[in-house]
Amino acid sequence: MGVLLMKYKQIPLKEKLSYGSGDVATCITFGVTNAYLSYYYTDIAGISLASVGLILAIARFLEAGTNICTGIAIDRSTSRFGKIKPFLYATTFPMMLMFFLLFTIPDISQQGKTIFALVSYLLFCLFYAINNTSYSTLLSMMTNNADERKITNNYRMMGCGIGNVIASFCTLPLVTLIGSDDHLQFASTALLYAIIGLMLLGSCSIICKERV
């Protein structure tokens, strides 16, 4: 019985790698938006600096409220898919879609660009907050073994480092590599990252299991 219980508590290597890959995806999207979105909005899309500042400020309040509401919703949720995974299933694709749309501001009026940026960024932040809160909580549901949680969290930290490196050192070379049109360069790079993120977070959502 003790051996069976220990096996139950252990997380397979495939799951640990999959869980770590989830943070590769989130750190790429978060890192790219933090580092390059303001530049894209002002220098390429032509949105005023004041409007960009207002958009970013509104998003921070939205994220804070969404994190709290997501935690409450997870505590109260019951589903045959688990407590956490339904939130991951529901938000992974919309989050990556919104991430792509962040860098596809259409060539319309100044007001239209600002509205498009506001709506797409707020939706991205909404889905990101729900997804990331759920992802962070998932580890506590994968095992009740403290040692296994620490080991699996190390894989997450490794994934975080990889994601940050990709966002910091690969984005501008990719942008430069793709043609000469600024809009196309950023849109194509964002699409590539969105596809990678969808694959990594999608596999994490499917492979990682709730055992507790």
N, C-alpha and C. Protein backbone atom coordinates (compact mmCIF):
# COMPACT_ATOMS: atom_id res chain seq x y z
N MET A 1 0.84 -1.21 0.00
CA MET A 1 0.00 0.00 0.00
C MET A 1 0.86 1.25 0.00
N GLY A 2 1.97 1.24 0.80
CA GLY A 2 2.87 2.39 0.86
C GLY A 2 3.54 2.64 -0.48
N VAL A 3 3.93 1.54 -1.17
CA VAL A 3 4.56 1.66 -2.48
C VAL A 3 3.59 2.27 -3.48
N LEU A 4 2.34 1.81 -3.46
CA LEU A 4 1.33 2.34 -4.37
C LEU A 4 1.09 3.82 -4.11
N LEU A 5 1.07 4.20 -2.84
CA LEU A 5 0.84 5.59 -2.50
C LEU A 5 1.98 6.46 -3.01
N MET A 6 3.24 5.95 -2.88
CA MET A 6 4.39 6.70 -3.35
C MET A 6 4.34 6.87 -4.86
N LYS A 7 3.94 5.80 -5.58
CA LYS A 7 3.81 5.91 -7.03
C LYS A 7 2.75 6.94 -7.40
N TYR A 8 1.69 6.96 -6.62
CA TYR A 8 0.61 7.90 -6.89
C TYR A 8 1.08 9.34 -6.74
N LYS A 9 1.98 9.55 -5.76
CA LYS A 9 2.44 10.91 -5.48
C LYS A 9 3.48 11.38 -6.50
N GLN A 10 4.20 10.47 -7.12
CA GLN A 10 5.26 10.85 -8.03
C GLN A 10 4.69 11.36 -9.36
N ILE A 11 5.35 12.38 -9.91
CA ILE A 11 4.94 12.95 -11.19
C ILE A 11 5.89 12.44 -12.26
N PRO A 12 5.39 11.83 -13.33
CA PRO A 12 6.27 11.33 -14.39
C PRO A 12 7.08 12.46 -15.04
N LEU A 13 8.25 12.10 -15.57
CA LEU A 13 9.14 13.09 -16.19
C LEU A 13 8.44 13.81 -17.34
N LYS A 14 7.65 13.08 -18.11
CA LYS A 14 6.93 13.70 -19.23
C LYS A 14 6.03 14.83 -18.75
N GLU A 15 5.39 14.62 -17.62
CA GLU A 15 4.51 15.64 -17.06
C GLU A 15 5.29 16.84 -16.56
N LYS A 16 6.42 16.57 -15.93
CA LYS A 16 7.25 17.65 -15.42
C LYS A 16 7.75 18.54 -16.57
N LEU A 17 8.19 17.90 -17.64
CA LEU A 17 8.65 18.65 -18.80
C LEU A 17 7.51 19.44 -19.42
N SER A 18 6.34 18.82 -19.49
CA SER A 18 5.18 19.49 -20.06
C SER A 18 4.76 20.69 -19.21
N TYR A 19 4.81 20.50 -17.89
CA TYR A 19 4.46 21.61 -17.00
C TYR A 19 5.46 22.76 -17.17
N GLY A 20 6.74 22.43 -17.26
CA GLY A 20 7.75 23.46 -17.47
C GLY A 20 7.58 24.18 -18.80
N SER A 21 7.17 23.44 -19.83
CA SER A 21 6.98 24.07 -21.14
C SER A 21 5.84 25.08 -21.13
N GLY A 22 4.89 24.91 -20.21
CA GLY A 22 3.82 25.89 -20.11
C GLY A 22 4.34 27.27 -19.77
N ASP A 23 5.39 27.33 -18.93
CA ASP A 23 5.96 28.63 -18.57
C ASP A 23 6.82 29.19 -19.68
N VAL A 24 7.34 28.34 -20.56
CA VAL A 24 8.02 28.85 -21.75
C VAL A 24 7.04 29.72 -22.55
N ALA A 25 5.83 29.20 -22.73
CA ALA A 25 4.81 29.90 -23.51
C ALA A 25 4.40 31.21 -22.85
N THR A 26 4.10 31.16 -21.54
CA THR A 26 3.62 32.36 -20.87
C THR A 26 4.71 33.42 -20.76
N CYS A 27 5.95 33.01 -20.56
CA CYS A 27 7.04 33.98 -20.45
C CYS A 27 7.39 34.60 -21.79
N ILE A 28 7.20 33.86 -22.87
CA ILE A 28 7.41 34.46 -24.20
C ILE A 28 6.38 35.56 -24.44
N THR A 29 5.11 35.24 -24.23
CA THR A 29 4.06 36.23 -24.50
C THR A 29 4.17 37.42 -23.55
N PHE A 30 4.39 37.15 -22.27
CA PHE A 30 4.51 38.24 -21.30
C PHE A 30 5.75 39.08 -21.57
N GLY A 31 6.87 38.41 -21.88
CA GLY A 31 8.11 39.13 -22.14
C GLY A 31 8.04 40.00 -23.37
N VAL A 32 7.44 39.49 -24.43
CA VAL A 32 7.35 40.25 -25.68
C VAL A 32 6.42 41.46 -25.52
N THR A 33 5.28 41.27 -24.87
CA THR A 33 4.37 42.40 -24.68
C THR A 33 5.00 43.46 -23.78
N ASN A 34 5.71 43.05 -22.74
CA ASN A 34 6.36 44.01 -21.85
C ASN A 34 7.45 44.79 -22.57
N ALA A 35 8.23 44.10 -23.40
CA ALA A 35 9.41 44.73 -24.00
C ALA A 35 9.10 45.51 -25.28
N TYR A 36 8.12 45.06 -26.06
CA TYR A 36 7.98 45.61 -27.41
C TYR A 36 6.62 46.21 -27.73
N LEU A 37 5.60 45.95 -26.92
CA LEU A 37 4.26 46.41 -27.30
C LEU A 37 4.15 47.93 -27.30
N SER A 38 4.70 48.59 -26.30
CA SER A 38 4.63 50.06 -26.26
C SER A 38 5.33 50.67 -27.46
N TYR A 39 6.47 50.12 -27.82
CA TYR A 39 7.18 50.58 -29.02
C TYR A 39 6.34 50.37 -30.27
N TYR A 40 5.74 49.20 -30.36
CA TYR A 40 4.91 48.91 -31.54
C TYR A 40 3.72 49.87 -31.63
N TYR A 41 3.06 50.10 -30.49
CA TYR A 41 1.90 51.00 -30.49
C TYR A 41 2.28 52.41 -30.92
N THR A 42 3.37 52.94 -30.39
CA THR A 42 3.70 54.35 -30.63
C THR A 42 4.47 54.57 -31.93
N ASP A 43 5.50 53.76 -32.18
CA ASP A 43 6.39 54.03 -33.32
C ASP A 43 5.93 53.39 -34.62
N ILE A 44 5.18 52.32 -34.54
CA ILE A 44 4.75 51.62 -35.76
C ILE A 44 3.26 51.83 -36.04
N ALA A 45 2.43 51.59 -35.02
CA ALA A 45 0.98 51.78 -35.22
C ALA A 45 0.60 53.25 -35.19
N GLY A 46 1.40 54.10 -34.55
CA GLY A 46 1.13 55.53 -34.53
C GLY A 46 0.11 55.96 -33.50
N ILE A 47 -0.04 55.21 -32.42
CA ILE A 47 -0.96 55.58 -31.34
C ILE A 47 -0.24 56.53 -30.39
N SER A 48 -0.94 57.53 -29.89
CA SER A 48 -0.31 58.53 -29.03
C SER A 48 0.19 57.90 -27.73
N LEU A 49 1.24 58.50 -27.18
CA LEU A 49 1.84 57.99 -25.95
C LEU A 49 0.86 58.07 -24.79
N ALA A 50 0.06 59.13 -24.74
CA ALA A 50 -0.93 59.28 -23.67
C ALA A 50 -1.96 58.15 -23.72
N SER A 51 -2.41 57.82 -24.92
CA SER A 51 -3.39 56.73 -25.07
C SER A 51 -2.80 55.39 -24.67
N VAL A 52 -1.54 55.16 -25.03
CA VAL A 52 -0.88 53.91 -24.66
C VAL A 52 -0.75 53.80 -23.15
N GLY A 53 -0.37 54.90 -22.51
CA GLY A 53 -0.26 54.89 -21.05
C GLY A 53 -1.58 54.58 -20.37
N LEU A 54 -2.67 55.15 -20.90
CA LEU A 54 -4.00 54.90 -20.34
C LEU A 54 -4.40 53.44 -20.53
N ILE A 55 -4.13 52.89 -21.70
CA ILE A 55 -4.45 51.49 -21.98
C ILE A 55 -3.73 50.57 -21.00
N LEU A 56 -2.45 50.81 -20.80
CA LEU A 56 -1.66 49.96 -19.91
C LEU A 56 -2.13 50.08 -18.46
N ALA A 57 -2.51 51.29 -18.05
CA ALA A 57 -2.98 51.49 -16.67
C ALA A 57 -4.30 50.77 -16.43
N ILE A 58 -5.23 50.87 -17.36
CA ILE A 58 -6.52 50.19 -17.23
C ILE A 58 -6.30 48.67 -17.14
N ALA A 59 -5.36 48.17 -17.94
CA ALA A 59 -5.09 46.73 -17.97
C ALA A 59 -4.59 46.22 -16.62
N ARG A 60 -3.77 47.03 -15.92
CA ARG A 60 -3.24 46.58 -14.64
C ARG A 60 -4.36 46.39 -13.62
N PHE A 61 -5.35 47.28 -13.60
CA PHE A 61 -6.49 47.13 -12.70
C PHE A 61 -7.31 45.90 -13.07
N LEU A 62 -7.49 45.68 -14.37
CA LEU A 62 -8.25 44.52 -14.83
C LEU A 62 -7.57 43.23 -14.40
N GLU A 63 -6.25 43.16 -14.56
CA GLU A 63 -5.51 41.95 -14.18
C GLU A 63 -5.64 41.65 -12.70
N ALA A 64 -5.53 42.69 -11.87
CA ALA A 64 -5.61 42.50 -10.42
C ALA A 64 -6.96 41.92 -10.02
N GLY A 65 -8.03 42.48 -10.55
CA GLY A 65 -9.36 41.98 -10.24
C GLY A 65 -9.60 40.59 -10.78
N THR A 66 -9.08 40.32 -11.98
CA THR A 66 -9.27 39.01 -12.60
C THR A 66 -8.56 37.92 -11.83
N ASN A 67 -7.36 38.21 -11.33
CA ASN A 67 -6.62 37.21 -10.53
C ASN A 67 -7.41 36.77 -9.31
N ILE A 68 -8.01 37.74 -8.62
CA ILE A 68 -8.79 37.43 -7.42
C ILE A 68 -10.03 36.61 -7.79
N CYS A 69 -10.73 37.06 -8.81
CA CYS A 69 -11.96 36.36 -9.23
C CYS A 69 -11.66 34.94 -9.72
N THR A 70 -10.53 34.76 -10.41
CA THR A 70 -10.16 33.43 -10.90
C THR A 70 -9.87 32.49 -9.73
N GLY A 71 -9.17 32.98 -8.72
CA GLY A 71 -8.90 32.16 -7.54
C GLY A 71 -10.18 31.70 -6.87
N ILE A 72 -11.14 32.61 -6.73
CA ILE A 72 -12.42 32.26 -6.13
C ILE A 72 -13.16 31.23 -6.99
N ALA A 73 -13.14 31.45 -8.30
CA ALA A 73 -13.84 30.54 -9.22
C ALA A 73 -13.23 29.14 -9.18
N ILE A 74 -11.90 29.06 -9.09
CA ILE A 74 -11.24 27.75 -9.01
C ILE A 74 -11.64 27.02 -7.74
N ASP A 75 -11.68 27.73 -6.64
CA ASP A 75 -12.06 27.11 -5.36
C ASP A 75 -13.46 26.51 -5.42
N ARG A 76 -14.34 27.16 -6.15
CA ARG A 76 -15.74 26.74 -6.19
C ARG A 76 -16.07 25.81 -7.35
N SER A 77 -15.13 25.61 -8.24
CA SER A 77 -15.43 24.84 -9.45
C SER A 77 -15.45 23.34 -9.18
N THR A 78 -16.33 22.65 -9.89
CA THR A 78 -16.38 21.19 -9.91
C THR A 78 -16.65 20.76 -11.34
N SER A 79 -15.83 19.85 -11.84
CA SER A 79 -15.97 19.43 -13.23
C SER A 79 -15.35 18.06 -13.39
N ARG A 80 -15.85 17.30 -14.33
CA ARG A 80 -15.26 15.98 -14.59
C ARG A 80 -13.87 16.11 -15.19
N PHE A 81 -13.52 17.32 -15.67
CA PHE A 81 -12.18 17.56 -16.20
C PHE A 81 -11.22 18.03 -15.12
N GLY A 82 -11.73 18.28 -13.90
CA GLY A 82 -10.90 18.77 -12.81
C GLY A 82 -11.30 20.17 -12.40
N LYS A 83 -10.56 20.73 -11.43
CA LYS A 83 -10.85 22.08 -10.96
C LYS A 83 -10.11 23.13 -11.78
N ILE A 84 -8.90 22.80 -12.25
CA ILE A 84 -8.03 23.77 -12.91
C ILE A 84 -8.12 23.69 -14.43
N LYS A 85 -8.09 22.48 -14.96
CA LYS A 85 -7.93 22.29 -16.40
C LYS A 85 -9.02 22.94 -17.26
N PRO A 86 -10.27 23.00 -16.80
CA PRO A 86 -11.27 23.70 -17.62
C PRO A 86 -10.91 25.17 -17.89
N PHE A 87 -10.27 25.81 -16.92
CA PHE A 87 -9.85 27.21 -17.11
C PHE A 87 -8.71 27.30 -18.13
N LEU A 88 -7.82 26.31 -18.11
CA LEU A 88 -6.74 26.29 -19.10
C LEU A 88 -7.28 26.02 -20.50
N TYR A 89 -8.18 25.05 -20.60
CA TYR A 89 -8.78 24.73 -21.89
C TYR A 89 -9.50 25.95 -22.48
N ALA A 90 -10.19 26.69 -21.62
CA ALA A 90 -11.04 27.78 -22.10
C ALA A 90 -10.26 29.03 -22.49
N THR A 91 -9.04 29.18 -22.00
CA THR A 91 -8.33 30.45 -22.20
C THR A 91 -7.07 30.35 -23.05
N THR A 92 -6.52 29.16 -23.27
CA THR A 92 -5.25 29.05 -23.99
C THR A 92 -5.35 29.58 -25.41
N PHE A 93 -6.32 29.11 -26.18
CA PHE A 93 -6.45 29.58 -27.57
C PHE A 93 -6.82 31.06 -27.64
N PRO A 94 -7.84 31.54 -26.89
CA PRO A 94 -8.15 32.98 -26.95
C PRO A 94 -6.98 33.86 -26.55
N MET A 95 -6.19 33.43 -25.57
CA MET A 95 -5.05 34.24 -25.15
C MET A 95 -4.03 34.37 -26.27
N MET A 96 -3.72 33.27 -26.94
CA MET A 96 -2.75 33.32 -28.03
C MET A 96 -3.30 34.09 -29.23
N LEU A 97 -4.59 33.98 -29.47
CA LEU A 97 -5.20 34.75 -30.55
C LEU A 97 -5.09 36.25 -30.27
N MET A 98 -5.40 36.65 -29.04
CA MET A 98 -5.30 38.05 -28.67
C MET A 98 -3.86 38.54 -28.71
N PHE A 99 -2.92 37.67 -28.33
CA PHE A 99 -1.51 38.04 -28.40
C PHE A 99 -1.13 38.36 -29.84
N PHE A 100 -1.57 37.56 -30.77
CA PHE A 100 -1.31 37.83 -32.19
C PHE A 100 -1.95 39.14 -32.62
N LEU A 101 -3.20 39.37 -32.22
CA LEU A 101 -3.93 40.58 -32.64
C LEU A 101 -3.31 41.85 -32.05
N LEU A 102 -2.59 41.74 -30.94
CA LEU A 102 -1.93 42.91 -30.37
C LEU A 102 -1.00 43.58 -31.38
N PHE A 103 -0.40 42.77 -32.23
CA PHE A 103 0.59 43.28 -33.18
C PHE A 103 0.04 43.33 -34.61
N THR A 104 -1.26 43.48 -34.71
CA THR A 104 -1.89 43.59 -36.04
C THR A 104 -2.85 44.78 -36.07
N ILE A 105 -2.42 45.93 -35.56
CA ILE A 105 -3.27 47.12 -35.56
C ILE A 105 -3.57 47.50 -37.01
N PRO A 106 -4.85 47.60 -37.40
CA PRO A 106 -5.18 47.93 -38.80
C PRO A 106 -4.88 49.39 -39.13
N ASP A 107 -4.73 49.68 -40.40
CA ASP A 107 -4.44 51.04 -40.86
C ASP A 107 -5.75 51.81 -40.99
N ILE A 108 -6.24 52.30 -39.85
CA ILE A 108 -7.50 53.05 -39.81
C ILE A 108 -7.26 54.38 -39.09
N SER A 109 -8.30 55.04 -38.70
CA SER A 109 -8.17 56.33 -38.03
C SER A 109 -7.45 56.19 -36.68
N GLN A 110 -6.97 57.32 -36.18
CA GLN A 110 -6.29 57.32 -34.88
C GLN A 110 -7.20 56.79 -33.78
N GLN A 111 -8.45 57.22 -33.80
CA GLN A 111 -9.41 56.75 -32.79
C GLN A 111 -9.67 55.26 -32.94
N GLY A 112 -9.79 54.81 -34.18
CA GLY A 112 -10.02 53.39 -34.43
C GLY A 112 -8.86 52.53 -33.97
N LYS A 113 -7.63 53.00 -34.21
CA LYS A 113 -6.45 52.26 -33.75
C LYS A 113 -6.43 52.16 -32.23
N THR A 114 -6.77 53.27 -31.57
CA THR A 114 -6.75 53.29 -30.10
C THR A 114 -7.79 52.32 -29.54
N ILE A 115 -8.98 52.31 -30.13
CA ILE A 115 -10.03 51.41 -29.66
C ILE A 115 -9.63 49.96 -29.89
N PHE A 116 -9.07 49.68 -31.08
CA PHE A 116 -8.63 48.31 -31.39
C PHE A 116 -7.56 47.87 -30.40
N ALA A 117 -6.60 48.75 -30.12
CA ALA A 117 -5.53 48.42 -29.18
C ALA A 117 -6.09 48.20 -27.77
N LEU A 118 -7.02 49.06 -27.36
CA LEU A 118 -7.60 48.94 -26.02
C LEU A 118 -8.34 47.61 -25.85
N VAL A 119 -9.21 47.29 -26.79
CA VAL A 119 -10.02 46.07 -26.69
C VAL A 119 -9.14 44.82 -26.76
N SER A 120 -8.22 44.78 -27.73
CA SER A 120 -7.38 43.58 -27.89
C SER A 120 -6.46 43.39 -26.69
N TYR A 121 -5.91 44.49 -26.16
CA TYR A 121 -4.99 44.36 -25.03
C TYR A 121 -5.73 43.97 -23.75
N LEU A 122 -6.89 44.55 -23.53
CA LEU A 122 -7.66 44.19 -22.34
C LEU A 122 -8.10 42.73 -22.39
N LEU A 123 -8.50 42.27 -23.56
CA LEU A 123 -8.90 40.87 -23.69
C LEU A 123 -7.69 39.95 -23.49
N PHE A 124 -6.54 40.34 -24.04
CA PHE A 124 -5.34 39.55 -23.82
C PHE A 124 -5.01 39.46 -22.33
N CYS A 125 -5.06 40.59 -21.64
CA CYS A 125 -4.74 40.61 -20.21
C CYS A 125 -5.76 39.80 -19.41
N LEU A 126 -7.02 39.84 -19.81
CA LEU A 126 -8.06 39.06 -19.14
C LEU A 126 -7.77 37.58 -19.27
N PHE A 127 -7.55 37.11 -20.49
CA PHE A 127 -7.28 35.68 -20.71
C PHE A 127 -5.95 35.27 -20.08
N TYR A 128 -4.96 36.16 -20.15
CA TYR A 128 -3.65 35.84 -19.56
C TYR A 128 -3.76 35.68 -18.05
N ALA A 129 -4.50 36.58 -17.40
CA ALA A 129 -4.64 36.51 -15.94
C ALA A 129 -5.32 35.22 -15.52
N ILE A 130 -6.40 34.86 -16.22
CA ILE A 130 -7.11 33.62 -15.88
C ILE A 130 -6.22 32.41 -16.13
N ASN A 131 -5.56 32.40 -17.29
CA ASN A 131 -4.72 31.26 -17.66
C ASN A 131 -3.54 31.11 -16.72
N ASN A 132 -2.86 32.23 -16.42
CA ASN A 132 -1.66 32.14 -15.60
C ASN A 132 -1.96 31.80 -14.15
N THR A 133 -3.07 32.33 -13.63
CA THR A 133 -3.48 31.97 -12.28
C THR A 133 -3.81 30.48 -12.21
N SER A 134 -4.49 29.98 -13.21
CA SER A 134 -4.83 28.55 -13.25
C SER A 134 -3.58 27.70 -13.39
N TYR A 135 -2.68 28.12 -14.27
CA TYR A 135 -1.43 27.38 -14.48
C TYR A 135 -0.61 27.33 -13.20
N SER A 136 -0.51 28.44 -12.50
CA SER A 136 0.26 28.49 -11.26
C SER A 136 -0.35 27.60 -10.18
N THR A 137 -1.67 27.49 -10.18
CA THR A 137 -2.37 26.68 -9.18
C THR A 137 -2.32 25.19 -9.51
N LEU A 138 -2.10 24.87 -10.77
CA LEU A 138 -2.15 23.48 -11.22
C LEU A 138 -1.19 22.58 -10.47
N LEU A 139 0.00 23.09 -10.15
CA LEU A 139 1.00 22.25 -9.49
C LEU A 139 0.50 21.70 -8.16
N SER A 140 -0.25 22.51 -7.43
CA SER A 140 -0.75 22.04 -6.12
C SER A 140 -1.77 20.92 -6.28
N MET A 141 -2.34 20.78 -7.48
CA MET A 141 -3.32 19.72 -7.73
C MET A 141 -2.69 18.49 -8.37
N MET A 142 -1.43 18.61 -8.80
CA MET A 142 -0.78 17.48 -9.46
C MET A 142 -0.26 16.45 -8.46
N THR A 143 0.13 16.90 -7.27
CA THR A 143 0.62 15.99 -6.25
C THR A 143 0.55 16.68 -4.89
N ASN A 144 0.44 15.87 -3.83
CA ASN A 144 0.50 16.43 -2.48
C ASN A 144 1.85 16.11 -1.82
N ASN A 145 2.80 15.63 -2.63
CA ASN A 145 4.14 15.35 -2.17
C ASN A 145 4.99 16.62 -2.31
N ALA A 146 5.46 17.16 -1.18
CA ALA A 146 6.18 18.44 -1.19
C ALA A 146 7.46 18.35 -2.02
N ASP A 147 8.16 17.21 -1.94
CA ASP A 147 9.41 17.06 -2.69
C ASP A 147 9.14 17.05 -4.20
N GLU A 148 8.08 16.35 -4.60
CA GLU A 148 7.73 16.32 -6.02
C GLU A 148 7.32 17.71 -6.52
N ARG A 149 6.64 18.47 -5.69
CA ARG A 149 6.27 19.83 -6.07
C ARG A 149 7.50 20.69 -6.29
N LYS A 150 8.49 20.55 -5.40
CA LYS A 150 9.72 21.34 -5.53
C LYS A 150 10.45 20.98 -6.81
N ILE A 151 10.54 19.68 -7.09
CA ILE A 151 11.23 19.24 -8.30
C ILE A 151 10.51 19.74 -9.55
N THR A 152 9.19 19.59 -9.56
CA THR A 152 8.41 20.02 -10.72
C THR A 152 8.48 21.54 -10.88
N ASN A 153 8.51 22.26 -9.77
CA ASN A 153 8.62 23.72 -9.85
C ASN A 153 9.97 24.13 -10.45
N ASN A 154 11.00 23.32 -10.24
CA ASN A 154 12.29 23.60 -10.87
C ASN A 154 12.19 23.54 -12.39
N TYR A 155 11.38 22.62 -12.89
CA TYR A 155 11.16 22.54 -14.33
C TYR A 155 10.43 23.80 -14.82
N ARG A 156 9.53 24.29 -13.99
CA ARG A 156 8.84 25.53 -14.34
C ARG A 156 9.84 26.70 -14.39
N MET A 157 10.72 26.78 -13.43
CA MET A 157 11.71 27.86 -13.41
C MET A 157 12.63 27.78 -14.63
N MET A 158 12.96 26.55 -15.01
CA MET A 158 13.78 26.36 -16.21
C MET A 158 13.02 26.83 -17.45
N GLY A 159 11.72 26.50 -17.50
CA GLY A 159 10.91 26.95 -18.62
C GLY A 159 10.78 28.46 -18.66
N CYS A 160 10.67 29.06 -17.48
CA CYS A 160 10.59 30.52 -17.39
C CYS A 160 11.85 31.16 -17.95
N GLY A 161 13.01 30.59 -17.60
CA GLY A 161 14.27 31.12 -18.11
C GLY A 161 14.36 31.01 -19.63
N ILE A 162 13.95 29.85 -20.16
CA ILE A 162 13.99 29.66 -21.61
C ILE A 162 13.06 30.64 -22.31
N GLY A 163 11.86 30.82 -21.76
CA GLY A 163 10.91 31.74 -22.36
C GLY A 163 11.42 33.17 -22.37
N ASN A 164 12.03 33.59 -21.28
CA ASN A 164 12.57 34.95 -21.19
C ASN A 164 13.73 35.16 -22.16
N VAL A 165 14.57 34.15 -22.30
CA VAL A 165 15.69 34.24 -23.24
C VAL A 165 15.18 34.38 -24.67
N ILE A 166 14.17 33.58 -25.02
CA ILE A 166 13.60 33.65 -26.37
C ILE A 166 13.00 35.04 -26.62
N ALA A 167 12.23 35.54 -25.65
CA ALA A 167 11.60 36.85 -25.80
C ALA A 167 12.63 37.96 -25.91
N SER A 168 13.72 37.86 -25.15
CA SER A 168 14.71 38.93 -25.10
C SER A 168 15.68 38.91 -26.28
N PHE A 169 16.12 37.71 -26.68
CA PHE A 169 17.21 37.62 -27.64
C PHE A 169 16.80 37.15 -29.04
N CYS A 170 15.60 36.63 -29.19
CA CYS A 170 15.19 36.11 -30.50
C CYS A 170 14.20 37.01 -31.21
N THR A 171 13.51 37.89 -30.49
CA THR A 171 12.42 38.66 -31.09
C THR A 171 12.93 39.63 -32.16
N LEU A 172 13.88 40.47 -31.82
CA LEU A 172 14.37 41.45 -32.80
C LEU A 172 15.05 40.80 -34.00
N PRO A 173 15.87 39.74 -33.82
CA PRO A 173 16.40 39.05 -35.00
C PRO A 173 15.30 38.49 -35.90
N LEU A 174 14.23 37.95 -35.29
CA LEU A 174 13.12 37.44 -36.09
C LEU A 174 12.41 38.57 -36.83
N VAL A 175 12.19 39.68 -36.14
CA VAL A 175 11.54 40.83 -36.76
C VAL A 175 12.36 41.33 -37.94
N THR A 176 13.67 41.40 -37.76
CA THR A 176 14.57 41.87 -38.83
C THR A 176 14.61 40.90 -40.00
N LEU A 177 14.51 39.63 -39.67
CA LEU A 177 14.61 38.59 -40.70
C LEU A 177 13.42 38.56 -41.63
N ILE A 178 12.25 38.96 -41.12
CA ILE A 178 11.01 38.83 -41.91
C ILE A 178 10.74 40.12 -42.68
N GLY A 179 11.22 40.21 -43.91
CA GLY A 179 10.89 41.32 -44.80
C GLY A 179 11.36 42.67 -44.30
N SER A 180 10.77 43.73 -44.88
CA SER A 180 11.14 45.10 -44.54
C SER A 180 9.96 45.93 -44.06
N ASP A 181 8.75 45.38 -44.11
CA ASP A 181 7.56 46.10 -43.67
C ASP A 181 7.40 45.92 -42.16
N ASP A 182 7.39 47.03 -41.43
CA ASP A 182 7.35 46.96 -39.96
C ASP A 182 6.12 46.22 -39.45
N HIS A 183 4.95 46.51 -40.03
CA HIS A 183 3.72 45.87 -39.59
C HIS A 183 3.78 44.36 -39.81
N LEU A 184 4.25 43.96 -41.00
CA LEU A 184 4.34 42.53 -41.33
C LEU A 184 5.36 41.83 -40.45
N GLN A 185 6.46 42.50 -40.16
CA GLN A 185 7.51 41.90 -39.34
C GLN A 185 6.99 41.52 -37.96
N PHE A 186 6.35 42.47 -37.30
CA PHE A 186 5.85 42.20 -35.95
C PHE A 186 4.68 41.23 -35.97
N ALA A 187 3.80 41.35 -36.95
CA ALA A 187 2.64 40.45 -37.03
C ALA A 187 3.10 39.02 -37.26
N SER A 188 4.07 38.83 -38.13
CA SER A 188 4.55 37.48 -38.43
C SER A 188 5.27 36.87 -37.23
N THR A 189 6.06 37.68 -36.55
CA THR A 189 6.76 37.19 -35.35
C THR A 189 5.76 36.81 -34.26
N ALA A 190 4.75 37.66 -34.07
CA ALA A 190 3.72 37.38 -33.06
C ALA A 190 2.95 36.11 -33.41
N LEU A 191 2.69 35.89 -34.70
CA LEU A 191 1.98 34.68 -35.12
C LEU A 191 2.81 33.44 -34.81
N LEU A 192 4.11 33.52 -35.08
CA LEU A 192 5.00 32.39 -34.78
C LEU A 192 5.01 32.08 -33.29
N TYR A 193 5.13 33.11 -32.47
CA TYR A 193 5.13 32.91 -31.02
C TYR A 193 3.78 32.38 -30.54
N ALA A 194 2.70 32.87 -31.13
CA ALA A 194 1.36 32.42 -30.73
C ALA A 194 1.18 30.93 -31.02
N ILE A 195 1.68 30.47 -32.16
CA ILE A 195 1.58 29.05 -32.52
C ILE A 195 2.40 28.20 -31.55
N ILE A 196 3.62 28.66 -31.27
CA ILE A 196 4.47 27.93 -30.32
C ILE A 196 3.81 27.88 -28.94
N GLY A 197 3.29 29.04 -28.50
CA GLY A 197 2.63 29.10 -27.20
C GLY A 197 1.41 28.20 -27.13
N LEU A 198 0.64 28.17 -28.19
CA LEU A 198 -0.55 27.33 -28.23
C LEU A 198 -0.18 25.85 -28.11
N MET A 199 0.87 25.45 -28.80
CA MET A 199 1.31 24.05 -28.74
C MET A 199 1.81 23.69 -27.35
N LEU A 200 2.62 24.57 -26.75
CA LEU A 200 3.22 24.26 -25.44
C LEU A 200 2.18 24.28 -24.33
N LEU A 201 1.35 25.34 -24.29
CA LEU A 201 0.33 25.41 -23.25
C LEU A 201 -0.76 24.37 -23.47
N GLY A 202 -1.05 24.09 -24.73
CA GLY A 202 -2.05 23.07 -25.02
C GLY A 202 -1.61 21.71 -24.54
N SER A 203 -0.34 21.37 -24.79
CA SER A 203 0.17 20.07 -24.34
C SER A 203 0.23 20.01 -22.82
N CYS A 204 0.56 21.14 -22.19
CA CYS A 204 0.58 21.19 -20.72
C CYS A 204 -0.82 20.93 -20.16
N SER A 205 -1.81 21.54 -20.77
CA SER A 205 -3.19 21.38 -20.30
C SER A 205 -3.67 19.94 -20.44
N ILE A 206 -3.23 19.28 -21.50
CA ILE A 206 -3.68 17.91 -21.76
C ILE A 206 -2.90 16.88 -20.95
N ILE A 207 -1.59 17.03 -20.91
CA ILE A 207 -0.73 16.00 -20.31
C ILE A 207 -0.73 16.05 -18.79
N CYS A 208 -0.67 17.24 -18.21
CA CYS A 208 -0.61 17.35 -16.75
C CYS A 208 -1.94 16.90 -16.12
N LYS A 209 -1.85 16.14 -15.05
CA LYS A 209 -3.04 15.54 -14.44
C LYS A 209 -3.26 16.08 -13.03
N GLU A 210 -4.52 16.26 -12.68
CA GLU A 210 -4.89 16.64 -11.31
C GLU A 210 -5.10 15.36 -10.51
N ARG A 211 -4.30 15.18 -9.46
CA ARG A 211 -4.38 13.96 -8.66
C ARG A 211 -4.90 14.23 -7.25
N VAL A 212 -4.80 15.45 -6.81
CA VAL A 212 -5.17 15.77 -5.42
C VAL A 212 -6.65 16.12 -5.39
